Amino acid sequence: FPMDCQELTVTLMSDWTDRVVEFRKDMTRMDNVRHETFTAVH
């Protein structure tokens, strides 16, 4: 700080155990982030 770079993380978790559910990236669509609605631009 104040030359830092931060990760803003949204974490998903399943209430099933890892023996029942496995998460993977959906390879049919690309994830994206919108810049025009970024409210902390200053």
PDB file of all heavy atoms in Angstrom:
ATOM      1  N   PHE A   1       0.839  -1.197   0.000  1.00  0.00           N
ATOM      2  CA  PHE A   1       0.000   0.000   0.000  1.00  0.00           C
ATOM      3  C   PHE A   1       0.881   1.256   0.000  1.00  0.00           C
ATOM      4  O   PHE A   1       1.836   1.364   0.765  1.00  0.00           O
ATOM      5  CB  PHE A   1      -0.884  -0.019   1.250  1.00  0.00           C
ATOM      6  CG  PHE A   1      -1.733   1.193   1.436  1.00  0.00           C
ATOM      7  CD1 PHE A   1      -2.959   1.285   0.811  1.00  0.00           C
ATOM      8  CD2 PHE A   1      -1.314   2.250   2.243  1.00  0.00           C
ATOM      9  CE1 PHE A   1      -3.757   2.403   0.997  1.00  0.00           C
ATOM     10  CE2 PHE A   1      -2.093   3.365   2.426  1.00  0.00           C
ATOM     11  CZ  PHE A   1      -3.313   3.442   1.797  1.00  0.00           C
ATOM     12  N   PRO A   2       0.605   2.243  -0.887  1.00  0.00           N
ATOM     13  CA  PRO A   2      -0.544   2.377  -1.812  1.00  0.00           C
ATOM     14  C   PRO A   2      -0.240   1.966  -3.255  1.00  0.00           C
ATOM     15  O   PRO A   2      -0.874   2.448  -4.185  1.00  0.00           O
ATOM     16  CB  PRO A   2      -0.823   3.870  -1.733  1.00  0.00           C
ATOM     17  CG  PRO A   2       0.521   4.485  -1.584  1.00  0.00           C
ATOM     18  CD  PRO A   2       1.354   3.532  -0.789  1.00  0.00           C
ATOM     19  N   MET A   3       0.739   1.094  -3.476  1.00  0.00           N
ATOM     20  CA  MET A   3       1.030   0.573  -4.815  1.00  0.00           C
ATOM     21  C   MET A   3       0.560  -0.871  -4.927  1.00  0.00           C
ATOM     22  O   MET A   3       1.215  -1.705  -5.550  1.00  0.00           O
ATOM     23  CB  MET A   3       2.535   0.648  -5.120  1.00  0.00           C
ATOM     24  CG  MET A   3       3.045   2.002  -5.560  1.00  0.00           C
ATOM     25  SD  MET A   3       3.223   3.160  -4.218  1.00  0.00           S
ATOM     26  CE  MET A   3       4.495   2.366  -3.251  1.00  0.00           C
ATOM     27  N   ASP A   4      -0.562  -1.176  -4.324  1.00  0.00           N
ATOM     28  CA  ASP A   4      -1.005  -2.558  -4.224  1.00  0.00           C
ATOM     29  C   ASP A   4      -2.002  -2.933  -5.301  1.00  0.00           C
ATOM     30  O   ASP A   4      -2.659  -2.080  -5.903  1.00  0.00           O
ATOM     31  CB  ASP A   4      -1.611  -2.815  -2.837  1.00  0.00           C
ATOM     32  CG  ASP A   4      -2.722  -1.821  -2.509  1.00  0.00           C
ATOM     33  OD1 ASP A   4      -2.635  -0.684  -2.966  1.00  0.00           O
ATOM     34  OD2 ASP A   4      -3.679  -2.202  -1.808  1.00  0.00           O
ATOM     35  N   CYS A   5      -2.085  -4.222  -5.534  1.00  0.00           N
ATOM     36  CA  CYS A   5      -3.071  -4.819  -6.437  1.00  0.00           C
ATOM     37  C   CYS A   5      -3.864  -5.829  -5.617  1.00  0.00           C
ATOM     38  O   CYS A   5      -3.284  -6.655  -4.907  1.00  0.00           O
ATOM     39  CB  CYS A   5      -2.367  -5.494  -7.613  1.00  0.00           C
ATOM     40  SG  CYS A   5      -3.454  -6.437  -8.704  1.00  0.00           S
ATOM     41  N   GLN A   6      -5.182  -5.752  -5.693  1.00  0.00           N
ATOM     42  CA  GLN A   6      -6.027  -6.577  -4.843  1.00  0.00           C
ATOM     43  C   GLN A   6      -6.897  -7.522  -5.665  1.00  0.00           C
ATOM     44  O   GLN A   6      -7.292  -7.209  -6.786  1.00  0.00           O
ATOM     45  CB  GLN A   6      -6.921  -5.699  -3.961  1.00  0.00           C
ATOM     46  CG  GLN A   6      -6.170  -4.781  -3.024  1.00  0.00           C
ATOM     47  CD  GLN A   6      -5.377  -5.524  -1.975  1.00  0.00           C
ATOM     48  OE1 GLN A   6      -5.647  -6.690  -1.678  1.00  0.00           O
ATOM     49  NE2 GLN A   6      -4.395  -4.843  -1.386  1.00  0.00           N
ATOM     50  N   GLU A   7      -7.166  -8.682  -5.068  1.00  0.00           N
ATOM     51  CA  GLU A   7      -8.121  -9.630  -5.637  1.00  0.00           C
ATOM     52  C   GLU A   7      -9.477  -9.432  -4.968  1.00  0.00           C
ATOM     53  O   GLU A   7      -9.561  -9.420  -3.736  1.00  0.00           O
ATOM     54  CB  GLU A   7      -7.652 -11.070  -5.406  1.00  0.00           C
ATOM     55  CG  GLU A   7      -6.387 -11.451  -6.137  1.00  0.00           C
ATOM     56  CD  GLU A   7      -5.980 -12.883  -5.839  1.00  0.00           C
ATOM     57  OE1 GLU A   7      -6.502 -13.455  -4.852  1.00  0.00           O
ATOM     58  OE2 GLU A   7      -5.152 -13.432  -6.577  1.00  0.00           O
ATOM     59  N   LEU A   8     -10.502  -9.266  -5.773  1.00  0.00           N
ATOM     60  CA  LEU A   8     -11.871  -9.197  -5.262  1.00  0.00           C
ATOM     61  C   LEU A   8     -12.523 -10.539  -5.586  1.00  0.00           C
ATOM     62  O   LEU A   8     -12.836 -10.820  -6.741  1.00  0.00           O
ATOM     63  CB  LEU A   8     -12.629  -8.032  -5.900  1.00  0.00           C
ATOM     64  CG  LEU A   8     -11.995  -6.648  -5.727  1.00  0.00           C
ATOM     65  CD1 LEU A   8     -12.856  -5.585  -6.371  1.00  0.00           C
ATOM     66  CD2 LEU A   8     -11.749  -6.327  -4.259  1.00  0.00           C
ATOM     67  N   THR A   9     -12.720 -11.348  -4.560  1.00  0.00           N
ATOM     68  CA  THR A   9     -13.108 -12.742  -4.744  1.00  0.00           C
ATOM     69  C   THR A   9     -14.543 -12.981  -4.299  1.00  0.00           C
ATOM     70  O   THR A   9     -14.934 -12.575  -3.197  1.00  0.00           O
ATOM     71  CB  THR A   9     -12.175 -13.673  -3.962  1.00  0.00           C
ATOM     72  OG1 THR A   9     -10.817 -13.400  -4.330  1.00  0.00           O
ATOM     73  CG2 THR A   9     -12.484 -15.125  -4.262  1.00  0.00           C
ATOM     74  N   VAL A  10     -15.298 -13.644  -5.164  1.00  0.00           N
ATOM     75  CA  VAL A  10     -16.610 -14.181  -4.810  1.00  0.00           C
ATOM     76  C   VAL A  10     -16.449 -15.691  -4.753  1.00  0.00           C
ATOM     77  O   VAL A  10     -16.090 -16.325  -5.750  1.00  0.00           O
ATOM     78  CB  VAL A  10     -17.686 -13.780  -5.828  1.00  0.00           C
ATOM     79  CG1 VAL A  10     -19.012 -14.445  -5.489  1.00  0.00           C
ATOM     80  CG2 VAL A  10     -17.848 -12.269  -5.870  1.00  0.00           C
ATOM     81  N   THR A  11     -16.689 -16.265  -3.591  1.00  0.00           N
ATOM     82  CA  THR A  11     -16.438 -17.696  -3.375  1.00  0.00           C
ATOM     83  C   THR A  11     -17.749 -18.459  -3.304  1.00  0.00           C
ATOM     84  O   THR A  11     -18.627 -18.134  -2.496  1.00  0.00           O
ATOM     85  CB  THR A  11     -15.643 -17.912  -2.074  1.00  0.00           C
ATOM     86  OG1 THR A  11     -14.404 -17.211  -2.159  1.00  0.00           O
ATOM     87  CG2 THR A  11     -15.359 -19.391  -1.864  1.00  0.00           C
ATOM     88  N   LEU A  12     -17.861 -19.476  -4.173  1.00  0.00           N
ATOM     89  CA  LEU A  12     -19.015 -20.375  -4.154  1.00  0.00           C
ATOM     90  C   LEU A  12     -18.623 -21.662  -3.435  1.00  0.00           C
ATOM     91  O   LEU A  12     -17.501 -22.142  -3.580  1.00  0.00           O
ATOM     92  CB  LEU A  12     -19.472 -20.712  -5.574  1.00  0.00           C
ATOM     93  CG  LEU A  12     -19.643 -19.567  -6.571  1.00  0.00           C
ATOM     94  CD1 LEU A  12     -20.126 -20.124  -7.905  1.00  0.00           C
ATOM     95  CD2 LEU A  12     -20.618 -18.540  -6.049  1.00  0.00           C
ATOM     96  N   MET A  13     -19.554 -22.204  -2.690  1.00  0.00           N
ATOM     97  CA  MET A  13     -19.312 -23.479  -2.020  1.00  0.00           C
ATOM     98  C   MET A  13     -20.579 -24.311  -2.088  1.00  0.00           C
ATOM     99  O   MET A  13     -21.686 -23.787  -1.993  1.00  0.00           O
ATOM    100  CB  MET A  13     -18.893 -23.277  -0.566  1.00  0.00           C
ATOM    101  CG  MET A  13     -18.443 -24.570   0.108  1.00  0.00           C
ATOM    102  SD  MET A  13     -17.919 -24.360   1.847  1.00  0.00           S
ATOM    103  CE  MET A  13     -19.512 -24.197   2.639  1.00  0.00           C
ATOM    104  N   SER A  14     -20.402 -25.603  -2.276  1.00  0.00           N
ATOM    105  CA  SER A  14     -21.544 -26.513  -2.276  1.00  0.00           C
ATOM    106  C   SER A  14     -21.699 -27.131  -0.893  1.00  0.00           C
ATOM    107  O   SER A  14     -20.716 -27.421  -0.209  1.00  0.00           O
ATOM    108  CB  SER A  14     -21.339 -27.616  -3.314  1.00  0.00           C
ATOM    109  OG  SER A  14     -22.363 -28.581  -3.218  1.00  0.00           O
ATOM    110  N   ASP A  15     -22.956 -27.316  -0.483  1.00  0.00           N
ATOM    111  CA  ASP A  15     -23.218 -27.987   0.789  1.00  0.00           C
ATOM    112  C   ASP A  15     -23.099 -29.504   0.677  1.00  0.00           C
ATOM    113  O   ASP A  15     -23.161 -30.202   1.689  1.00  0.00           O
ATOM    114  CB  ASP A  15     -24.614 -27.621   1.302  1.00  0.00           C
ATOM    115  CG  ASP A  15     -24.656 -26.199   1.845  1.00  0.00           C
ATOM    116  OD1 ASP A  15     -23.577 -25.667   2.162  1.00  0.00           O
ATOM    117  OD2 ASP A  15     -25.754 -25.623   1.931  1.00  0.00           O
ATOM    118  N   TRP A  16     -22.956 -30.008  -0.565  1.00  0.00           N
ATOM    119  CA  TRP A  16     -22.603 -31.411  -0.744  1.00  0.00           C
ATOM    120  C   TRP A  16     -21.094 -31.566  -0.564  1.00  0.00           C
ATOM    121  O   TRP A  16     -20.338 -30.633  -0.822  1.00  0.00           O
ATOM    122  CB  TRP A  16     -22.996 -31.908  -2.135  1.00  0.00           C
ATOM    123  CG  TRP A  16     -24.463 -31.868  -2.450  1.00  0.00           C
ATOM    124  CD1 TRP A  16     -25.085 -31.030  -3.311  1.00  0.00           C
ATOM    125  CD2 TRP A  16     -25.480 -32.721  -1.929  1.00  0.00           C
ATOM    126  NE1 TRP A  16     -26.430 -31.287  -3.356  1.00  0.00           N
ATOM    127  CE2 TRP A  16     -26.710 -32.329  -2.509  1.00  0.00           C
ATOM    128  CE3 TRP A  16     -25.497 -33.775  -1.011  1.00  0.00           C
ATOM    129  CZ2 TRP A  16     -27.920 -32.945  -2.222  1.00  0.00           C
ATOM    130  CZ3 TRP A  16     -26.700 -34.398  -0.721  1.00  0.00           C
ATOM    131  CH2 TRP A  16     -27.888 -33.980  -1.320  1.00  0.00           C
ATOM    132  N   THR A  17     -20.651 -32.718  -0.161  1.00  0.00           N
ATOM    133  CA  THR A  17     -19.222 -32.951   0.020  1.00  0.00           C
ATOM    134  C   THR A  17     -18.546 -33.109  -1.338  1.00  0.00           C
ATOM    135  O   THR A  17     -19.205 -33.249  -2.378  1.00  0.00           O
ATOM    136  CB  THR A  17     -18.975 -34.210   0.866  1.00  0.00           C
ATOM    137  OG1 THR A  17     -19.412 -35.368   0.128  1.00  0.00           O
ATOM    138  CG2 THR A  17     -19.733 -34.117   2.183  1.00  0.00           C
ATOM    139  N   ASP A  18     -17.209 -33.100  -1.320  1.00  0.00           N
ATOM    140  CA  ASP A  18     -16.470 -33.247  -2.576  1.00  0.00           C
ATOM    141  C   ASP A  18     -16.548 -34.659  -3.133  1.00  0.00           C
ATOM    142  O   ASP A  18     -16.060 -34.923  -4.236  1.00  0.00           O
ATOM    143  CB  ASP A  18     -15.003 -32.846  -2.379  1.00  0.00           C
ATOM    144  CG  ASP A  18     -14.315 -33.691  -1.330  1.00  0.00           C
ATOM    145  OD1 ASP A  18     -15.009 -34.419  -0.584  1.00  0.00           O
ATOM    146  OD2 ASP A  18     -13.071 -33.633  -1.239  1.00  0.00           O
ATOM    147  N   ARG A  19     -17.146 -35.584  -2.394  1.00  0.00           N
ATOM    148  CA  ARG A  19     -17.390 -36.926  -2.945  1.00  0.00           C
ATOM    149  C   ARG A  19     -18.641 -36.957  -3.810  1.00  0.00           C
ATOM    150  O   ARG A  19     -18.872 -37.918  -4.542  1.00  0.00           O
ATOM    151  CB  ARG A  19     -17.530 -37.939  -1.804  1.00  0.00           C
ATOM    152  CG  ARG A  19     -16.265 -38.134  -0.997  1.00  0.00           C
ATOM    153  CD  ARG A  19     -16.417 -39.295  -0.020  1.00  0.00           C
ATOM    154  NE  ARG A  19     -17.465 -39.042   0.952  1.00  0.00           N
ATOM    155  CZ  ARG A  19     -17.273 -38.434   2.113  1.00  0.00           C
ATOM    156  NH1 ARG A  19     -16.065 -38.004   2.433  1.00  0.00           N
ATOM    157  NH2 ARG A  19     -18.266 -38.239   2.955  1.00  0.00           N
ATOM    158  N   VAL A  20     -19.450 -35.906  -3.719  1.00  0.00           N
ATOM    159  CA  VAL A  20     -20.702 -35.852  -4.481  1.00  0.00           C
ATOM    160  C   VAL A  20     -20.612 -34.842  -5.621  1.00  0.00           C
ATOM    161  O   VAL A  20     -21.085 -35.097  -6.735  1.00  0.00           O
ATOM    162  CB  VAL A  20     -21.883 -35.494  -3.545  1.00  0.00           C
ATOM    163  CG1 VAL A  20     -23.187 -35.381  -4.330  1.00  0.00           C
ATOM    164  CG2 VAL A  20     -22.009 -36.523  -2.438  1.00  0.00           C
ATOM    165  N   VAL A  21     -19.994 -33.669  -5.367  1.00  0.00           N
ATOM    166  CA  VAL A  21     -19.981 -32.569  -6.335  1.00  0.00           C
ATOM    167  C   VAL A  21     -18.553 -32.147  -6.622  1.00  0.00           C
ATOM    168  O   VAL A  21     -17.700 -32.111  -5.723  1.00  0.00           O
ATOM    169  CB  VAL A  21     -20.805 -31.367  -5.802  1.00  0.00           C
ATOM    170  CG1 VAL A  21     -20.602 -30.139  -6.683  1.00  0.00           C
ATOM    171  CG2 VAL A  21     -22.280 -31.718  -5.745  1.00  0.00           C
ATOM    172  N   GLU A  22     -18.327 -31.816  -7.878  1.00  0.00           N
ATOM    173  CA  GLU A  22     -17.040 -31.262  -8.306  1.00  0.00           C
ATOM    174  C   GLU A  22     -17.314 -30.045  -9.185  1.00  0.00           C
ATOM    175  O   GLU A  22     -18.106 -30.116 -10.134  1.00  0.00           O
ATOM    176  CB  GLU A  22     -16.241 -32.302  -9.094  1.00  0.00           C
ATOM    177  CG  GLU A  22     -14.930 -31.772  -9.637  1.00  0.00           C
ATOM    178  CD  GLU A  22     -14.245 -32.764 -10.557  1.00  0.00           C
ATOM    179  OE1 GLU A  22     -14.921 -33.707 -11.026  1.00  0.00           O
ATOM    180  OE2 GLU A  22     -13.039 -32.599 -10.822  1.00  0.00           O
ATOM    181  N   PHE A  23     -16.673 -28.908  -8.871  1.00  0.00           N
ATOM    182  CA  PHE A  23     -16.832 -27.691  -9.656  1.00  0.00           C
ATOM    183  C   PHE A  23     -15.777 -27.651 -10.767  1.00  0.00           C
ATOM    184  O   PHE A  23     -14.622 -28.031 -10.556  1.00  0.00           O
ATOM    185  CB  PHE A  23     -16.677 -26.446  -8.780  1.00  0.00           C
ATOM    186  CG  PHE A  23     -17.856 -26.185  -7.891  1.00  0.00           C
ATOM    187  CD1 PHE A  23     -17.678 -25.757  -6.582  1.00  0.00           C
ATOM    188  CD2 PHE A  23     -19.151 -26.361  -8.357  1.00  0.00           C
ATOM    189  CE1 PHE A  23     -18.754 -25.508  -5.756  1.00  0.00           C
ATOM    190  CE2 PHE A  23     -20.241 -26.116  -7.541  1.00  0.00           C
ATOM    191  CZ  PHE A  23     -20.043 -25.693  -6.243  1.00  0.00           C
ATOM    192  N   ARG A  24     -16.205 -27.142 -11.938  1.00  0.00           N
ATOM    193  CA  ARG A  24     -15.293 -26.929 -13.059  1.00  0.00           C
ATOM    194  C   ARG A  24     -15.693 -25.679 -13.809  1.00  0.00           C
ATOM    195  O   ARG A  24     -16.827 -25.233 -13.740  1.00  0.00           O
ATOM    196  CB  ARG A  24     -15.300 -28.125 -14.027  1.00  0.00           C
ATOM    197  CG  ARG A  24     -14.539 -29.343 -13.541  1.00  0.00           C
ATOM    198  CD  ARG A  24     -14.491 -30.412 -14.617  1.00  0.00           C
ATOM    199  NE  ARG A  24     -13.861 -31.632 -14.148  1.00  0.00           N
ATOM    200  CZ  ARG A  24     -13.749 -32.733 -14.869  1.00  0.00           C
ATOM    201  NH1 ARG A  24     -14.261 -32.760 -16.108  1.00  0.00           N
ATOM    202  NH2 ARG A  24     -13.156 -33.806 -14.373  1.00  0.00           N
ATOM    203  N   LYS A  25     -14.734 -25.126 -14.539  1.00  0.00           N
ATOM    204  CA  LYS A  25     -15.013 -23.984 -15.410  1.00  0.00           C
ATOM    205  C   LYS A  25     -15.833 -24.441 -16.608  1.00  0.00           C
ATOM    206  O   LYS A  25     -15.518 -25.441 -17.242  1.00  0.00           O
ATOM    207  CB  LYS A  25     -13.691 -23.354 -15.873  1.00  0.00           C
ATOM    208  CG  LYS A  25     -13.819 -22.370 -17.018  1.00  0.00           C
ATOM    209  CD  LYS A  25     -14.401 -21.065 -16.522  1.00  0.00           C
ATOM    210  CE  LYS A  25     -14.547 -20.096 -17.703  1.00  0.00           C
ATOM    211  NZ  LYS A  25     -15.680 -20.406 -18.578  1.00  0.00           N
ATOM    212  N   ASP A  26     -16.893 -23.728 -16.908  1.00  0.00           N
ATOM    213  CA  ASP A  26     -17.714 -24.006 -18.090  1.00  0.00           C
ATOM    214  C   ASP A  26     -16.940 -23.556 -19.329  1.00  0.00           C
ATOM    215  O   ASP A  26     -16.692 -22.365 -19.525  1.00  0.00           O
ATOM    216  CB  ASP A  26     -19.041 -23.260 -17.987  1.00  0.00           C
ATOM    217  CG  ASP A  26     -20.035 -23.691 -19.051  1.00  0.00           C
ATOM    218  OD1 ASP A  26     -19.609 -24.316 -20.043  1.00  0.00           O
ATOM    219  OD2 ASP A  26     -21.233 -23.406 -18.893  1.00  0.00           O
ATOM    220  N   MET A  27     -16.565 -24.519 -20.157  1.00  0.00           N
ATOM    221  CA  MET A  27     -15.724 -24.224 -21.314  1.00  0.00           C
ATOM    222  C   MET A  27     -16.529 -23.851 -22.549  1.00  0.00           C
ATOM    223  O   MET A  27     -15.971 -23.747 -23.646  1.00  0.00           O
ATOM    224  CB  MET A  27     -14.831 -25.426 -21.624  1.00  0.00           C
ATOM    225  CG  MET A  27     -13.854 -25.766 -20.525  1.00  0.00           C
ATOM    226  SD  MET A  27     -12.702 -24.421 -20.165  1.00  0.00           S
ATOM    227  CE  MET A  27     -11.710 -24.448 -21.657  1.00  0.00           C
ATOM    228  N   THR A  28     -17.833 -23.649 -22.413  1.00  0.00           N
ATOM    229  CA  THR A  28     -18.637 -23.235 -23.554  1.00  0.00           C
ATOM    230  C   THR A  28     -18.815 -21.729 -23.645  1.00  0.00           C
ATOM    231  O   THR A  28     -19.205 -21.208 -24.678  1.00  0.00           O
ATOM    232  CB  THR A  28     -20.032 -23.887 -23.493  1.00  0.00           C
ATOM    233  OG1 THR A  28     -20.715 -23.449 -22.306  1.00  0.00           O
ATOM    234  CG2 THR A  28     -19.906 -25.402 -23.465  1.00  0.00           C
ATOM    235  N   ARG A  29     -18.547 -21.020 -22.561  1.00  0.00           N
ATOM    236  CA  ARG A  29     -18.684 -19.574 -22.539  1.00  0.00           C
ATOM    237  C   ARG A  29     -17.530 -18.970 -21.759  1.00  0.00           C
ATOM    238  O   ARG A  29     -17.030 -19.549 -20.812  1.00  0.00           O
ATOM    239  CB  ARG A  29     -20.023 -19.163 -21.890  1.00  0.00           C
ATOM    240  CG  ARG A  29     -21.252 -19.522 -22.699  1.00  0.00           C
ATOM    241  CD  ARG A  29     -21.493 -18.527 -23.822  1.00  0.00           C
ATOM    242  NE  ARG A  29     -21.731 -17.198 -23.321  1.00  0.00           N
ATOM    243  CZ  ARG A  29     -22.930 -16.748 -22.951  1.00  0.00           C
ATOM    244  NH1 ARG A  29     -23.973 -17.551 -22.978  1.00  0.00           N
ATOM    245  NH2 ARG A  29     -23.073 -15.497 -22.534  1.00  0.00           N
ATOM    246  N   MET A  30     -17.142 -17.749 -22.134  1.00  0.00           N
ATOM    247  CA  MET A  30     -16.060 -17.061 -21.451  1.00  0.00           C
ATOM    248  C   MET A  30     -16.626 -16.198 -20.324  1.00  0.00           C
ATOM    249  O   MET A  30     -17.654 -15.534 -20.492  1.00  0.00           O
ATOM    250  CB  MET A  30     -15.297 -16.186 -22.452  1.00  0.00           C
ATOM    251  CG  MET A  30     -13.961 -15.705 -21.964  1.00  0.00           C
ATOM    252  SD  MET A  30     -12.843 -17.078 -21.680  1.00  0.00           S
ATOM    253  CE  MET A  30     -11.540 -16.279 -20.768  1.00  0.00           C
ATOM    254  N   ASP A  31     -15.965 -16.238 -19.188  1.00  0.00           N
ATOM    255  CA  ASP A  31     -16.331 -15.328 -18.105  1.00  0.00           C
ATOM    256  C   ASP A  31     -15.927 -13.902 -18.478  1.00  0.00           C
ATOM    257  O   ASP A  31     -14.968 -13.697 -19.236  1.00  0.00           O
ATOM    258  CB  ASP A  31     -15.631 -15.729 -16.807  1.00  0.00           C
ATOM    259  CG  ASP A  31     -15.972 -17.150 -16.393  1.00  0.00           C
ATOM    260  OD1 ASP A  31     -17.109 -17.575 -16.649  1.00  0.00           O
ATOM    261  OD2 ASP A  31     -15.091 -17.819 -15.821  1.00  0.00           O
ATOM    262  N   ASN A  32     -16.634 -12.919 -17.934  1.00  0.00           N
ATOM    263  CA  ASN A  32     -16.322 -11.535 -18.285  1.00  0.00           C
ATOM    264  C   ASN A  32     -16.641 -10.597 -17.127  1.00  0.00           C
ATOM    265  O   ASN A  32     -17.366 -10.948 -16.201  1.00  0.00           O
ATOM    266  CB  ASN A  32     -17.093 -11.101 -19.547  1.00  0.00           C
ATOM    267  CG  ASN A  32     -18.594 -11.132 -19.344  1.00  0.00           C
ATOM    268  OD1 ASN A  32     -19.184 -10.200 -18.808  1.00  0.00           O
ATOM    269  ND2 ASN A  32     -19.234 -12.227 -19.753  1.00  0.00           N
ATOM    270  N   VAL A  33     -16.077  -9.405 -17.213  1.00  0.00           N
ATOM    271  CA  VAL A  33     -16.320  -8.345 -16.240  1.00  0.00           C
ATOM    272  C   VAL A  33     -16.590  -7.060 -17.014  1.00  0.00           C
ATOM    273  O   VAL A  33     -15.930  -6.785 -18.018  1.00  0.00           O
ATOM    274  CB  VAL A  33     -15.125  -8.180 -15.274  1.00  0.00           C
ATOM    275  CG1 VAL A  33     -13.836  -7.932 -16.026  1.00  0.00           C
ATOM    276  CG2 VAL A  33     -15.389  -7.069 -14.271  1.00  0.00           C
ATOM    277  N   ARG A  34     -17.562  -6.289 -16.561  1.00  0.00           N
ATOM    278  CA  ARG A  34     -17.951  -5.059 -17.251  1.00  0.00           C
ATOM    279  C   ARG A  34     -17.245  -3.861 -16.628  1.00  0.00           C
ATOM    280  O   ARG A  34     -17.304  -3.660 -15.410  1.00  0.00           O
ATOM    281  CB  ARG A  34     -19.473  -4.868 -17.180  1.00  0.00           C
ATOM    282  CG  ARG A  34     -20.254  -5.987 -17.869  1.00  0.00           C
ATOM    283  CD  ARG A  34     -21.744  -5.696 -17.832  1.00  0.00           C
ATOM    284  NE  ARG A  34     -22.525  -6.775 -18.422  1.00  0.00           N
ATOM    285  CZ  ARG A  34     -23.852  -6.795 -18.491  1.00  0.00           C
ATOM    286  NH1 ARG A  34     -24.543  -5.765 -17.989  1.00  0.00           N
ATOM    287  NH2 ARG A  34     -24.485  -7.800 -19.043  1.00  0.00           N
ATOM    288  N   HIS A  35     -16.594  -3.085 -17.481  1.00  0.00           N
ATOM    289  CA  HIS A  35     -15.867  -1.913 -17.012  1.00  0.00           C
ATOM    290  C   HIS A  35     -16.760  -0.676 -16.918  1.00  0.00           C
ATOM    291  O   HIS A  35     -16.497   0.214 -16.099  1.00  0.00           O
ATOM    292  CB  HIS A  35     -14.681  -1.611 -17.938  1.00  0.00           C
ATOM    293  CG  HIS A  35     -13.544  -2.572 -17.795  1.00  0.00           C
ATOM    294  ND1 HIS A  35     -13.588  -3.847 -18.291  1.00  0.00           N
ATOM    295  CD2 HIS A  35     -12.333  -2.443 -17.181  1.00  0.00           C
ATOM    296  CE1 HIS A  35     -12.452  -4.469 -18.011  1.00  0.00           C
ATOM    297  NE2 HIS A  35     -11.677  -3.643 -17.336  1.00  0.00           N
ATOM    298  N   GLU A  36     -17.790  -0.620 -17.734  1.00  0.00           N
ATOM    299  CA  GLU A  36     -18.599   0.604 -17.770  1.00  0.00           C
ATOM    300  C   GLU A  36     -19.415   0.796 -16.498  1.00  0.00           C
ATOM    301  O   GLU A  36     -19.861   1.908 -16.207  1.00  0.00           O
ATOM    302  CB  GLU A  36     -19.534   0.585 -18.984  1.00  0.00           C
ATOM    303  CG  GLU A  36     -20.568  -0.541 -18.999  1.00  0.00           C
ATOM    304  CD  GLU A  36     -20.051  -1.810 -19.634  1.00  0.00           C
ATOM    305  OE1 GLU A  36     -18.828  -1.890 -19.865  1.00  0.00           O
ATOM    306  OE2 GLU A  36     -20.857  -2.722 -19.893  1.00  0.00           O
ATOM    307  N   THR A  37     -19.593  -0.265 -15.707  1.00  0.00           N
ATOM    308  CA  THR A  37     -20.355  -0.149 -14.463  1.00  0.00           C
ATOM    309  C   THR A  37     -19.450  -0.159 -13.227  1.00  0.00           C
ATOM    310  O   THR A  37     -19.941  -0.292 -12.105  1.00  0.00           O
ATOM    311  CB  THR A  37     -21.373  -1.297 -14.356  1.00  0.00           C
ATOM    312  OG1 THR A  37     -20.685  -2.550 -14.504  1.00  0.00           O
ATOM    313  CG2 THR A  37     -22.429  -1.177 -15.435  1.00  0.00           C
ATOM    314  N   PHE A  38     -18.152  -0.031 -13.420  1.00  0.00           N
ATOM    315  CA  PHE A  38     -17.213  -0.016 -12.303  1.00  0.00           C
ATOM    316  C   PHE A  38     -17.343   1.309 -11.555  1.00  0.00           C
ATOM    317  O   PHE A  38     -17.122   2.382 -12.122  1.00  0.00           O
ATOM    318  CB  PHE A  38     -15.790  -0.207 -12.824  1.00  0.00           C
ATOM    319  CG  PHE A  38     -14.744  -0.285 -11.750  1.00  0.00           C
ATOM    320  CD1 PHE A  38     -14.879  -1.159 -10.693  1.00  0.00           C
ATOM    321  CD2 PHE A  38     -13.624   0.531 -11.799  1.00  0.00           C
ATOM    322  CE1 PHE A  38     -13.917  -1.239  -9.695  1.00  0.00           C
ATOM    323  CE2 PHE A  38     -12.651   0.464 -10.821  1.00  0.00           C
ATOM    324  CZ  PHE A  38     -12.803  -0.422  -9.768  1.00  0.00           C
ATOM    325  N   THR A  39     -17.709   1.252 -10.282  1.00  0.00           N
ATOM    326  CA  THR A  39     -18.058   2.462  -9.527  1.00  0.00           C
ATOM    327  C   THR A  39     -16.905   3.015  -8.700  1.00  0.00           C
ATOM    328  O   THR A  39     -17.076   4.032  -8.023  1.00  0.00           O
ATOM    329  CB  THR A  39     -19.237   2.169  -8.582  1.00  0.00           C
ATOM    330  OG1 THR A  39     -18.874   1.111  -7.675  1.00  0.00           O
ATOM    331  CG2 THR A  39     -20.468   1.751  -9.380  1.00  0.00           C
ATOM    332  N   ALA A  40     -15.741   2.370  -8.721  1.00  0.00           N
ATOM    333  CA  ALA A  40     -14.596   2.857  -7.929  1.00  0.00           C
ATOM    334  C   ALA A  40     -13.477   3.347  -8.842  1.00  0.00           C
ATOM    335  O   ALA A  40     -12.305   3.207  -8.522  1.00  0.00           O
ATOM    336  CB  ALA A  40     -14.089   1.757  -7.009  1.00  0.00           C
ATOM    337  N   VAL A  41     -13.846   3.937  -9.964  1.00  0.00           N
ATOM    338  CA  VAL A  41     -12.866   4.293 -10.980  1.00  0.00           C
ATOM    339  C   VAL A  41     -11.916   5.382 -10.512  1.00  0.00           C
ATOM    340  O   VAL A  41     -10.792   5.481 -11.007  1.00  0.00           O
ATOM    341  CB  VAL A  41     -13.603   4.726 -12.273  1.00  0.00           C
ATOM    342  CG1 VAL A  41     -14.382   6.008 -12.056  1.00  0.00           C
ATOM    343  CG2 VAL A  41     -12.637   4.867 -13.440  1.00  0.00           C
ATOM    344  N   HIS A  42     -12.307   6.219  -9.554  1.00  0.00           N
ATOM    345  CA  HIS A  42     -11.438   7.306  -9.105  1.00  0.00           C
ATOM    346  C   HIS A  42     -10.311   6.821  -8.201  1.00  0.00           C
ATOM    347  O   HIS A  42      -9.288   7.501  -8.078  1.00  0.00           O
ATOM    348  CB  HIS A  42     -12.261   8.364  -8.366  1.00  0.00           C
ATOM    349  CG  HIS A  42     -13.288   9.034  -9.233  1.00  0.00           C
ATOM    350  ND1 HIS A  42     -12.944   9.851 -10.288  1.00  0.00           N
ATOM    351  CD2 HIS A  42     -14.645   8.984  -9.212  1.00  0.00           C
ATOM    352  CE1 HIS A  42     -14.039  10.296 -10.873  1.00  0.00           C
ATOM    353  NE2 HIS A  42     -15.087   9.786 -10.247  1.00  0.00           N
TER     354      HIS A  42
END
